[in-house]
Amino acid sequence: MIDIADIPLIDSVYREFFNTPYPNRSSIAAKALVVPGMRVEIVAYAVPSHCPPLT
């Protein structure tokens, strides 16, 4: 995100889509993002449910 003041809004949207226990996440504020005018960038990693757990 480019403005740390957006955290409360981002948190409220996050809680609309996820329930406890919440998935792991991290947030950082940056001066700018790659696409002009973009305010938030999201990166997600997923593992198919048929994959065995990592040990």
N, C-alpha and C. Protein backbone atom coordinates (compact mmCIF):
# COMPACT_ATOMS: atom_id res chain seq x y z
N MET A 1 0.84 -1.16 0.00
CA MET A 1 0.00 0.00 0.00
C MET A 1 0.89 1.23 0.00
N ILE A 2 0.34 2.32 -0.45
CA ILE A 2 1.15 3.54 -0.48
C ILE A 2 0.84 4.47 0.69
N ASP A 3 -0.22 4.17 1.44
CA ASP A 3 -0.56 5.02 2.59
C ASP A 3 -0.93 4.13 3.78
N ILE A 4 -0.12 4.14 4.80
CA ILE A 4 -0.35 3.29 5.98
C ILE A 4 -1.69 3.62 6.65
N ALA A 5 -2.22 4.80 6.40
CA ALA A 5 -3.53 5.18 6.95
C ALA A 5 -4.66 4.33 6.36
N ASP A 6 -4.40 3.60 5.28
CA ASP A 6 -5.41 2.73 4.66
C ASP A 6 -5.59 1.40 5.40
N ILE A 7 -4.75 1.12 6.39
CA ILE A 7 -4.82 -0.16 7.11
C ILE A 7 -6.22 -0.46 7.67
N PRO A 8 -6.91 0.47 8.33
CA PRO A 8 -8.25 0.13 8.83
C PRO A 8 -9.22 -0.29 7.73
N LEU A 9 -9.17 0.35 6.59
CA LEU A 9 -10.04 -0.02 5.46
C LEU A 9 -9.65 -1.39 4.92
N ILE A 10 -8.37 -1.63 4.76
CA ILE A 10 -7.89 -2.92 4.28
C ILE A 10 -8.29 -4.02 5.26
N ASP A 11 -8.16 -3.78 6.55
CA ASP A 11 -8.55 -4.76 7.57
C ASP A 11 -10.04 -5.08 7.50
N SER A 12 -10.88 -4.07 7.29
CA SER A 12 -12.32 -4.32 7.24
C SER A 12 -12.69 -5.17 6.03
N VAL A 13 -12.06 -4.92 4.90
CA VAL A 13 -12.32 -5.73 3.70
C VAL A 13 -11.79 -7.14 3.91
N TYR A 14 -10.62 -7.27 4.50
CA TYR A 14 -10.01 -8.58 4.79
C TYR A 14 -10.97 -9.44 5.62
N ARG A 15 -11.57 -8.85 6.63
CA ARG A 15 -12.47 -9.59 7.53
C ARG A 15 -13.78 -9.99 6.85
N GLU A 16 -14.13 -9.32 5.74
CA GLU A 16 -15.32 -9.72 4.98
C GLU A 16 -15.09 -11.06 4.28
N PHE A 17 -13.86 -11.37 3.94
CA PHE A 17 -13.55 -12.55 3.14
C PHE A 17 -12.90 -13.68 3.93
N PHE A 18 -12.36 -13.40 5.11
CA PHE A 18 -11.67 -14.42 5.90
C PHE A 18 -12.23 -14.44 7.32
N ASN A 19 -12.27 -15.64 7.89
CA ASN A 19 -12.71 -15.84 9.27
C ASN A 19 -11.55 -16.34 10.11
N THR A 20 -11.72 -16.32 11.43
CA THR A 20 -10.69 -16.86 12.31
C THR A 20 -10.64 -18.37 12.16
N PRO A 21 -9.52 -18.97 12.24
CA PRO A 21 -8.20 -18.34 12.36
C PRO A 21 -7.80 -17.69 11.04
N TYR A 22 -7.42 -16.43 11.10
CA TYR A 22 -7.07 -15.70 9.89
C TYR A 22 -5.80 -16.25 9.26
N PRO A 23 -5.76 -16.27 7.92
CA PRO A 23 -4.53 -16.69 7.23
C PRO A 23 -3.38 -15.72 7.56
N ASN A 24 -2.17 -16.22 7.46
CA ASN A 24 -1.00 -15.39 7.67
C ASN A 24 -0.96 -14.28 6.63
N ARG A 25 -0.51 -13.11 7.02
CA ARG A 25 -0.35 -12.00 6.07
C ARG A 25 0.65 -11.00 6.62
N SER A 26 1.11 -10.16 5.76
CA SER A 26 1.98 -9.06 6.18
C SER A 26 1.62 -7.84 5.35
N SER A 27 1.90 -6.67 5.88
CA SER A 27 1.60 -5.42 5.19
C SER A 27 2.79 -4.50 5.27
N ILE A 28 3.04 -3.80 4.18
CA ILE A 28 4.08 -2.77 4.16
C ILE A 28 3.55 -1.55 3.44
N ALA A 29 4.11 -0.41 3.76
CA ALA A 29 3.80 0.83 3.04
C ALA A 29 5.02 1.18 2.20
N ALA A 30 4.77 1.52 0.94
CA ALA A 30 5.85 1.88 0.02
C ALA A 30 5.55 3.25 -0.57
N LYS A 31 6.57 3.91 -1.03
CA LYS A 31 6.40 5.24 -1.61
C LYS A 31 5.56 5.19 -2.88
N ALA A 32 5.75 4.13 -3.68
CA ALA A 32 5.00 3.99 -4.93
C ALA A 32 4.94 2.52 -5.31
N LEU A 33 3.97 2.17 -6.16
CA LEU A 33 3.86 0.82 -6.69
C LEU A 33 4.11 0.87 -8.20
N VAL A 34 4.22 -0.28 -8.82
CA VAL A 34 4.62 -0.35 -10.23
C VAL A 34 3.63 0.34 -11.16
N VAL A 35 2.34 0.13 -10.95
CA VAL A 35 1.31 0.71 -11.82
C VAL A 35 0.93 2.09 -11.28
N PRO A 36 1.07 3.14 -12.09
CA PRO A 36 0.70 4.48 -11.63
C PRO A 36 -0.76 4.52 -11.16
N GLY A 37 -0.99 5.13 -10.01
CA GLY A 37 -2.33 5.25 -9.47
C GLY A 37 -2.77 4.07 -8.61
N MET A 38 -2.01 2.99 -8.64
CA MET A 38 -2.35 1.82 -7.83
C MET A 38 -2.03 2.12 -6.37
N ARG A 39 -2.96 1.78 -5.46
CA ARG A 39 -2.78 2.07 -4.03
C ARG A 39 -2.42 0.84 -3.21
N VAL A 40 -2.81 -0.36 -3.70
CA VAL A 40 -2.58 -1.60 -2.97
C VAL A 40 -2.12 -2.67 -3.95
N GLU A 41 -1.15 -3.47 -3.54
CA GLU A 41 -0.70 -4.62 -4.33
C GLU A 41 -0.85 -5.85 -3.44
N ILE A 42 -1.41 -6.92 -4.01
CA ILE A 42 -1.63 -8.15 -3.24
C ILE A 42 -0.86 -9.28 -3.90
N VAL A 43 -0.12 -10.02 -3.10
CA VAL A 43 0.59 -11.22 -3.55
C VAL A 43 0.04 -12.38 -2.73
N ALA A 44 -0.34 -13.46 -3.39
CA ALA A 44 -0.91 -14.61 -2.68
C ALA A 44 -0.20 -15.89 -3.09
N TYR A 45 -0.05 -16.78 -2.14
CA TYR A 45 0.53 -18.10 -2.37
C TYR A 45 -0.50 -19.13 -1.92
N ALA A 46 -0.66 -20.19 -2.69
CA ALA A 46 -1.63 -21.22 -2.33
C ALA A 46 -1.04 -22.60 -2.61
N VAL A 47 -1.53 -23.58 -1.87
CA VAL A 47 -1.14 -24.97 -2.05
C VAL A 47 -2.42 -25.78 -2.26
N PRO A 48 -2.48 -26.58 -3.32
CA PRO A 48 -3.68 -27.40 -3.54
C PRO A 48 -3.93 -28.32 -2.34
N SER A 49 -5.18 -28.55 -2.03
CA SER A 49 -5.52 -29.36 -0.86
C SER A 49 -5.06 -30.81 -0.98
N HIS A 50 -4.80 -31.29 -2.19
CA HIS A 50 -4.36 -32.68 -2.35
C HIS A 50 -2.85 -32.85 -2.13
N CYS A 51 -2.14 -31.77 -1.89
CA CYS A 51 -0.69 -31.86 -1.64
C CYS A 51 -0.44 -32.23 -0.18
N PRO A 52 0.54 -33.08 0.07
CA PRO A 52 0.86 -33.41 1.47
C PRO A 52 1.47 -32.21 2.18
N PRO A 53 1.30 -32.10 3.49
CA PRO A 53 1.89 -30.99 4.24
C PRO A 53 3.42 -31.01 4.15
N LEU A 54 4.00 -29.83 4.16
CA LEU A 54 5.46 -29.72 4.18
C LEU A 54 5.96 -30.03 5.58
N THR A 55 7.08 -30.73 5.66
CA THR A 55 7.63 -31.03 6.98
C THR A 55 9.02 -30.46 7.12
